């Protein structure tokens, strides 16, 4: 089981993502804004974080930049989770050092596998049980 932080301001999207990832055997922490998400990441050091770019308080790019400044979190996978145009999202992942992108709307049948593809195997095998 992996620990996943999801930073998503749309409540329905957050619930669906949490349900899909929990069903796949992961522990999920959901934040509806960037500040809460940063706190969750800093306090829990998850195996991966999914970060929406358009958040109500601080934007996803700032969240990613602040996480990447932390030496103990520098290698944690950060995945952009957004409905922004794909070209813009790719610019963000390059500029801010994200590991990839999952575009919305998601495919519920594939979503958990997409997320798991970014989690290093040793971490996916139970660091957070």
Protein backbone atom coordinates (compact mmCIF):
# COMPACT_ATOMS: atom_id res chain seq x y z
CA UNK A 1 0.00 0.00 0.00
CA UNK A 2 1.28 3.43 -0.93
CA UNK A 3 0.44 6.72 0.70
CA UNK A 4 -0.89 9.20 -1.85
CA UNK A 5 -1.65 12.87 -1.32
CA UNK A 6 -4.20 14.30 -3.74
CA UNK A 7 -4.49 18.08 -3.98
CA UNK A 8 -7.75 18.76 -5.82
CA UNK A 9 -10.16 21.63 -5.20
CA UNK A 10 -13.21 20.13 -6.91
CA UNK A 11 -14.86 18.04 -4.21
CA UNK A 12 -16.52 15.55 -6.58
CA UNK A 13 -13.26 14.90 -8.42
CA UNK A 14 -11.43 14.48 -5.12
CA UNK A 15 -14.00 11.97 -3.84
CA UNK A 16 -13.85 9.92 -7.03
CA UNK A 17 -10.04 9.86 -7.03
CA UNK A 18 -9.95 8.90 -3.36
CA UNK A 19 -12.45 6.09 -3.96
CA UNK A 20 -10.57 4.70 -6.97
CA UNK A 21 -7.19 4.76 -5.25
CA UNK A 22 -8.53 3.36 -1.97
CA UNK A 23 -10.22 0.55 -3.88
CA UNK A 24 -6.83 -0.21 -5.46
CA UNK A 25 -5.35 -0.66 -1.96
CA UNK A 26 -3.74 2.72 -1.31
CA UNK A 27 -4.06 5.11 1.61
CA UNK A 28 -5.20 8.49 0.33
CA UNK A 29 -5.07 11.93 1.93
CA UNK A 30 -7.09 14.61 0.15
CA UNK A 31 -6.51 18.36 0.33
CA UNK A 32 -8.87 20.84 -1.29
CA UNK A 33 -6.30 23.65 -1.41
CA UNK A 34 -2.58 24.08 -1.85
CA UNK A 35 -1.74 25.12 1.70
CA UNK A 36 -3.42 22.06 3.20
CA UNK A 37 -1.79 19.88 0.57
CA UNK A 38 1.66 21.22 1.41
CA UNK A 39 1.07 20.54 5.09
CA UNK A 40 -0.02 16.97 4.31
CA UNK A 41 3.04 16.39 2.13
CA UNK A 42 5.49 17.87 4.65
CA UNK A 43 3.99 15.99 7.62
CA UNK A 44 3.40 12.61 5.94
CA UNK A 45 6.09 12.35 3.25
CA UNK A 46 3.85 10.37 0.91
CA UNK A 47 4.99 8.02 -1.82
CA UNK A 48 3.46 10.31 -4.45
CA UNK A 49 1.39 13.49 -4.73
CA UNK A 50 -1.13 14.39 -7.41
CA UNK A 51 -1.32 18.16 -7.78
CA UNK A 52 -4.02 20.10 -9.57
CA UNK A 53 -2.59 23.22 -11.20
CA UNK A 54 -5.61 25.46 -10.62
CA UNK A 55 -6.08 25.70 -6.86
CA UNK A 56 -8.03 28.38 -4.96
CA UNK A 57 -5.24 29.66 -2.72
CA UNK A 58 -1.78 28.98 -4.12
CA UNK A 59 -1.36 27.49 -7.56
CA UNK A 60 -0.11 23.99 -8.23
CA UNK A 61 3.15 25.29 -9.67
CA UNK A 62 3.97 26.95 -6.36
CA UNK A 63 3.08 23.78 -4.46
CA UNK A 64 5.44 21.76 -6.66
CA UNK A 65 8.23 24.34 -6.38
CA UNK A 66 7.98 24.39 -2.57
CA UNK A 67 8.03 20.60 -2.36
CA UNK A 68 11.04 20.38 -4.67
CA UNK A 69 12.97 22.74 -2.36
CA UNK A 70 12.79 20.18 0.46
CA UNK A 71 15.82 17.85 0.34
CA UNK A 72 13.89 14.97 1.93
CA UNK A 73 11.12 15.28 -0.70
CA UNK A 74 13.21 16.12 -3.75
CA UNK A 75 12.78 12.65 -5.28
CA UNK A 76 9.13 12.13 -4.33
CA UNK A 77 7.05 11.68 -7.48
CA UNK A 78 4.87 14.71 -8.22
CA UNK A 79 2.27 14.29 -10.92
CA UNK A 80 0.28 17.13 -12.44
CA UNK A 81 -3.42 16.30 -12.27
CA UNK A 82 -5.25 18.82 -14.40
CA UNK A 83 -7.80 19.75 -17.03
CA UNK A 84 -5.53 22.51 -18.33
CA UNK A 85 -4.53 22.27 -22.01
CA UNK A 86 -1.98 19.51 -22.44
CA UNK A 87 0.65 21.86 -23.89
CA UNK A 88 0.47 24.11 -20.83
CA UNK A 89 0.61 21.13 -18.50
CA UNK A 90 3.71 19.77 -20.24
CA UNK A 91 5.40 23.16 -19.86
CA UNK A 92 4.63 23.01 -16.15
CA UNK A 93 6.03 19.53 -15.66
CA UNK A 94 9.26 20.48 -17.40
CA UNK A 95 9.68 23.83 -15.67
CA UNK A 96 8.86 22.64 -12.16
CA UNK A 97 10.32 19.16 -12.18
CA UNK A 98 7.17 17.07 -12.13
CA UNK A 99 7.31 13.41 -13.02
CA UNK A 100 4.33 13.35 -15.33
CA UNK A 101 0.77 14.33 -16.05
CA UNK A 102 -2.63 12.73 -15.72
CA UNK A 103 -5.24 14.66 -17.67
CA UNK A 104 -8.82 15.18 -16.60
CA UNK A 105 -11.30 13.84 -17.23
CA UNK A 106 -9.80 10.58 -16.04
CA UNK A 107 -10.63 7.08 -17.17
CA UNK A 108 -11.78 5.35 -13.95
CA UNK A 109 -10.78 1.93 -15.31
CA UNK A 110 -7.17 3.04 -15.86
CA UNK A 111 -6.64 5.74 -13.24
CA UNK A 112 -5.12 3.69 -10.39
CA UNK A 113 -2.67 2.01 -12.79
CA UNK A 114 -1.69 5.42 -14.18
CA UNK A 115 -0.89 6.68 -10.68
CA UNK A 116 0.91 3.47 -9.72
CA UNK A 117 3.17 3.77 -12.77
CA UNK A 118 4.84 6.79 -11.12
CA UNK A 119 5.45 5.12 -7.73
CA UNK A 120 8.87 3.49 -7.35
CA UNK A 121 8.42 -0.25 -6.85
CA UNK A 122 10.06 -0.41 -3.40
CA UNK A 123 7.71 2.29 -2.12
CA UNK A 124 4.64 0.69 -3.69
CA UNK A 125 5.39 -2.48 -1.77
CA UNK A 126 4.50 -1.20 1.62
CA UNK A 127 6.49 1.68 3.03
CA UNK A 128 3.29 3.19 4.47
CA UNK A 129 1.32 0.39 6.06
